[in-house]
C-alpha atoms as a PDB file:
ATOM      1  CA  MET A   1      -0.085  10.640  19.157  1.00  0.00           C
ATOM      2  CA  THR A   2      -1.267  13.115  21.757  1.00  0.00           C
ATOM      3  CA  SER A   3      -4.821  13.366  22.988  1.00  0.00           C
ATOM      4  CA  VAL A   4      -5.677  16.525  24.919  1.00  0.00           C
ATOM      5  CA  GLN A   5      -8.673  16.728  27.251  1.00  0.00           C
ATOM      6  CA  PRO A   6      -9.917  19.955  28.805  1.00  0.00           C
ATOM      7  CA  GLY A   7      -7.899  20.817  31.897  1.00  0.00           C
ATOM      8  CA  ARG A   8      -5.262  18.118  31.483  1.00  0.00           C
ATOM      9  CA  GLU A   9      -3.077  16.473  28.888  1.00  0.00           C
ATOM     10  CA  ARG A  10      -3.079  12.748  28.227  1.00  0.00           C
ATOM     11  CA  VAL A  11      -0.500  11.143  25.977  1.00  0.00           C
ATOM     12  CA  VAL A  12      -1.491   8.041  24.044  1.00  0.00           C
ATOM     13  CA  THR A  13       1.410   6.115  22.607  1.00  0.00           C
ATOM     14  CA  TYR A  14       1.399   4.145  19.403  1.00  0.00           C
ATOM     15  CA  GLU A  15       2.185   1.024  21.437  1.00  0.00           C
ATOM     16  CA  ALA A  16      -1.013   1.455  23.443  1.00  0.00           C
ATOM     17  CA  VAL A  17      -3.057   1.665  20.260  1.00  0.00           C
ATOM     18  CA  GLN A  18      -1.220  -1.251  18.691  1.00  0.00           C
ATOM     19  CA  ASN A  19      -1.787  -3.426  21.752  1.00  0.00           C
ATOM     20  CA  SER A  20      -5.480  -2.608  22.039  1.00  0.00           C
ATOM     21  CA  ARG A  21      -8.074  -5.297  21.368  1.00  0.00           C
ATOM     22  CA  GLU A  22      -9.840  -3.065  18.832  1.00  0.00           C
ATOM     23  CA  PHE A  23      -6.704  -2.510  16.774  1.00  0.00           C
ATOM     24  CA  ARG A  24      -5.917  -6.247  16.717  1.00  0.00           C
ATOM     25  CA  GLN A  25      -9.477  -6.942  15.502  1.00  0.00           C
ATOM     26  CA  LEU A  26      -9.088  -4.263  12.857  1.00  0.00           C
ATOM     27  CA  ARG A  27      -5.860  -5.831  11.571  1.00  0.00           C
ATOM     28  CA  ARG A  28      -7.398  -9.329  11.538  1.00  0.00           C
ATOM     29  CA  ARG A  29     -10.430  -8.139   9.627  1.00  0.00           C
ATOM     30  CA  PHE A  30      -8.224  -6.345   7.089  1.00  0.00           C
ATOM     31  CA  ARG A  31      -6.054  -9.449   6.600  1.00  0.00           C
ATOM     32  CA  ARG A  32      -9.116 -11.639   6.039  1.00  0.00           C
ATOM     33  CA  PHE A  33      -9.909  -9.494   3.009  1.00  0.00           C
ATOM     34  CA  ALA A  34      -6.418  -8.577   1.822  1.00  0.00           C
ATOM     35  CA  VAL A  35      -4.619 -11.924   1.887  1.00  0.00           C
ATOM     36  CA  PRO A  36      -7.055 -13.927  -0.285  1.00  0.00           C
ATOM     37  CA  THR A  37      -7.518 -10.955  -2.610  1.00  0.00           C
ATOM     38  CA  VAL A  38      -3.776 -10.487  -3.112  1.00  0.00           C
ATOM     39  CA  ILE A  39      -3.243 -14.223  -3.625  1.00  0.00           C
ATOM     40  CA  GLY A  40      -6.058 -14.376  -6.178  1.00  0.00           C
ATOM     41  CA  PHE A  41      -4.916 -11.291  -8.035  1.00  0.00           C
ATOM     42  CA  LEU A  42      -1.256 -12.367  -8.165  1.00  0.00           C
ATOM     43  CA  THR A  43      -2.310 -15.824  -9.388  1.00  0.00           C
ATOM     44  CA  TRP A  44      -4.329 -14.199 -12.175  1.00  0.00           C
ATOM     45  CA  TYR A  45      -1.418 -11.884 -13.048  1.00  0.00           C
ATOM     46  CA  PHE A  46       1.220 -14.645 -13.160  1.00  0.00           C
ATOM     47  CA  LEU A  47      -1.133 -16.881 -15.147  1.00  0.00           C
ATOM     48  CA  TYR A  48      -1.339 -14.127 -17.759  1.00  0.00           C
ATOM     49  CA  VAL A  49       2.467 -13.741 -17.820  1.00  0.00           C
ATOM     50  CA  ALA A  50       2.974 -17.519 -18.041  1.00  0.00           C
ATOM     51  CA  LEU A  51       0.483 -17.835 -20.893  1.00  0.00           C
ATOM     52  CA  ALA A  52       2.209 -15.010 -22.761  1.00  0.00           C
ATOM     53  CA  ALA A  53       5.652 -16.526 -22.220  1.00  0.00           C
ATOM     54  CA  PHE A  54       4.957 -20.222 -22.803  1.00  0.00           C
ATOM     55  CA  PHE A  55       1.872 -20.288 -25.022  1.00  0.00           C
ATOM     56  CA  PRO A  56       2.242 -17.447 -27.522  1.00  0.00           C
ATOM     57  CA  ASP A  57       0.173 -19.296 -30.126  1.00  0.00           C
ATOM     58  CA  LEU A  58      -2.730 -19.578 -27.700  1.00  0.00           C
ATOM     59  CA  MET A  59      -2.447 -15.891 -26.799  1.00  0.00           C
ATOM     60  CA  GLY A  60      -2.401 -15.046 -30.512  1.00  0.00           C
ATOM     61  CA  THR A  61      -5.696 -16.817 -31.133  1.00  0.00           C
ATOM     62  CA  PRO A  62      -8.049 -14.382 -32.889  1.00  0.00           C
ATOM     63  CA  VAL A  63     -11.192 -13.552 -30.927  1.00  0.00           C
ATOM     64  CA  LEU A  64     -12.803 -10.838 -33.003  1.00  0.00           C
ATOM     65  CA  GLY A  65     -11.112  -9.611 -36.164  1.00  0.00           C
ATOM     66  CA  ARG A  66      -7.581  -8.509 -35.244  1.00  0.00           C
ATOM     67  CA  ILE A  67      -8.295  -8.672 -31.523  1.00  0.00           C
ATOM     68  CA  ASN A  68      -6.631 -11.749 -30.033  1.00  0.00           C
ATOM     69  CA  LEU A  69      -6.922 -13.641 -26.743  1.00  0.00           C
ATOM     70  CA  GLY A  70      -3.753 -12.031 -25.352  1.00  0.00           C
ATOM     71  CA  LEU A  71      -5.165  -8.553 -25.839  1.00  0.00           C
ATOM     72  CA  CYS A  72      -8.460  -9.537 -24.196  1.00  0.00           C
ATOM     73  CA  LEU A  73      -6.681 -11.062 -21.203  1.00  0.00           C
ATOM     74  CA  GLY A  74      -4.361  -8.043 -20.976  1.00  0.00           C
ATOM     75  CA  LEU A  75      -7.325  -5.690 -20.873  1.00  0.00           C
ATOM     76  CA  GLY A  76      -8.843  -8.023 -18.298  1.00  0.00           C
ATOM     77  CA  GLN A  77      -5.856  -7.243 -16.071  1.00  0.00           C
ATOM     78  CA  PHE A  78      -6.815  -3.572 -16.063  1.00  0.00           C
ATOM     79  CA  VAL A  79     -10.485  -4.342 -15.489  1.00  0.00           C
ATOM     80  CA  SER A  80      -9.678  -6.670 -12.595  1.00  0.00           C
ATOM     81  CA  THR A  81      -7.422  -4.039 -11.007  1.00  0.00           C
ATOM     82  CA  PHE A  82     -10.270  -1.526 -10.953  1.00  0.00           C
ATOM     83  CA  ALA A  83     -12.720  -4.217  -9.783  1.00  0.00           C
ATOM     84  CA  VAL A  84     -10.501  -5.150  -6.829  1.00  0.00           C
ATOM     85  CA  THR A  85     -10.127  -1.474  -5.933  1.00  0.00           C
ATOM     86  CA  ALA A  86     -13.889  -0.890  -6.071  1.00  0.00           C
ATOM     87  CA  ALA A  87     -14.558  -4.038  -4.043  1.00  0.00           C
ATOM     88  CA  TYR A  88     -12.056  -2.992  -1.382  1.00  0.00           C
ATOM     89  CA  LEU A  89     -13.520   0.511  -1.130  1.00  0.00           C
ATOM     90  CA  ARG A  90     -17.036  -0.853  -0.734  1.00  0.00           C
ATOM     91  CA  TRP A  91     -15.928  -3.561   1.723  1.00  0.00           C
ATOM     92  CA  SER A  92     -13.846  -1.206   3.858  1.00  0.00           C
ATOM     93  CA  ARG A  93     -16.625   1.381   4.029  1.00  0.00           C
ATOM     94  CA  VAL A  94     -18.927  -1.239   5.567  1.00  0.00           C
ATOM     95  CA  ARG A  95     -16.512  -3.465   7.510  1.00  0.00           C
ATOM     96  CA  LEU A  96     -13.498  -1.342   8.522  1.00  0.00           C
ATOM     97  CA  ASP A  97     -14.591   2.273   8.756  1.00  0.00           C
ATOM     98  CA  PRO A  98     -17.020   1.749  11.662  1.00  0.00           C
ATOM     99  CA  MET A  99     -14.263   0.016  13.638  1.00  0.00           C
ATOM    100  CA  VAL A 100     -11.793   2.782  12.827  1.00  0.00           C
ATOM    101  CA  ASP A 101     -14.311   5.417  13.909  1.00  0.00           C
ATOM    102  CA  ARG A 102     -14.895   3.662  17.242  1.00  0.00           C
ATOM    103  CA  LEU A 103     -11.142   3.342  17.861  1.00  0.00           C
ATOM    104  CA  ARG A 104     -10.583   6.996  16.964  1.00  0.00           C
ATOM    105  CA  ASP A 105     -13.384   8.074  19.303  1.00  0.00           C
ATOM    106  CA  ARG A 106     -11.852   6.065  22.125  1.00  0.00           C
ATOM    107  CA  LEU A 107      -8.457   7.642  21.453  1.00  0.00           C
ATOM    108  CA  GLU A 108      -9.870  11.159  21.368  1.00  0.00           C
ATOM    109  CA  GLN A 109     -11.722  10.564  24.621  1.00  0.00           C
ATOM    110  CA  GLY A 110      -8.567   9.256  26.251  1.00  0.00           C
ATOM    111  CA  GLY A 111      -9.806   5.677  26.589  1.00  0.00           C
ATOM    112  CA  LEU A 112      -6.435   4.123  25.674  1.00  0.00           C
ATOM    113  CA  ARG A 113      -3.268   4.347  27.707  1.00  0.00           C
END
C-alpha cells in the first residue's frame, strides 16, 4: 500500500499495518464476535444434520398439517443465517467501522511506517 503526501512519497507496507496496535485490536475485536458466533452456528447446523440422520421419526413429527418438525428446523437454518448476517452487519457498523476509519486515516496521513 502506498500513501502519498504532498511534496513527498511515503510507502506504508502491509507488515507495518499488521504490526500496528490498532490493527491487532481490530483483529481481537473481530474474533470476539466471530468465534462464538461460528461455534454457535455450526453447533446448530450439525444438530440439525444429526437429528435428520439419527432421529428421522422425530423430524417427521407433524407440527401443522403436512408441515413437520424437520421442515420447520430446516427453514430455521435459513432464518438463522440471515439473522447472523444482520447481527454482524449491525455489530460491525458500531464496533469495527470506527476503528477501521481511524486506522485508514492514520495510514492516509502517513502515521504508520
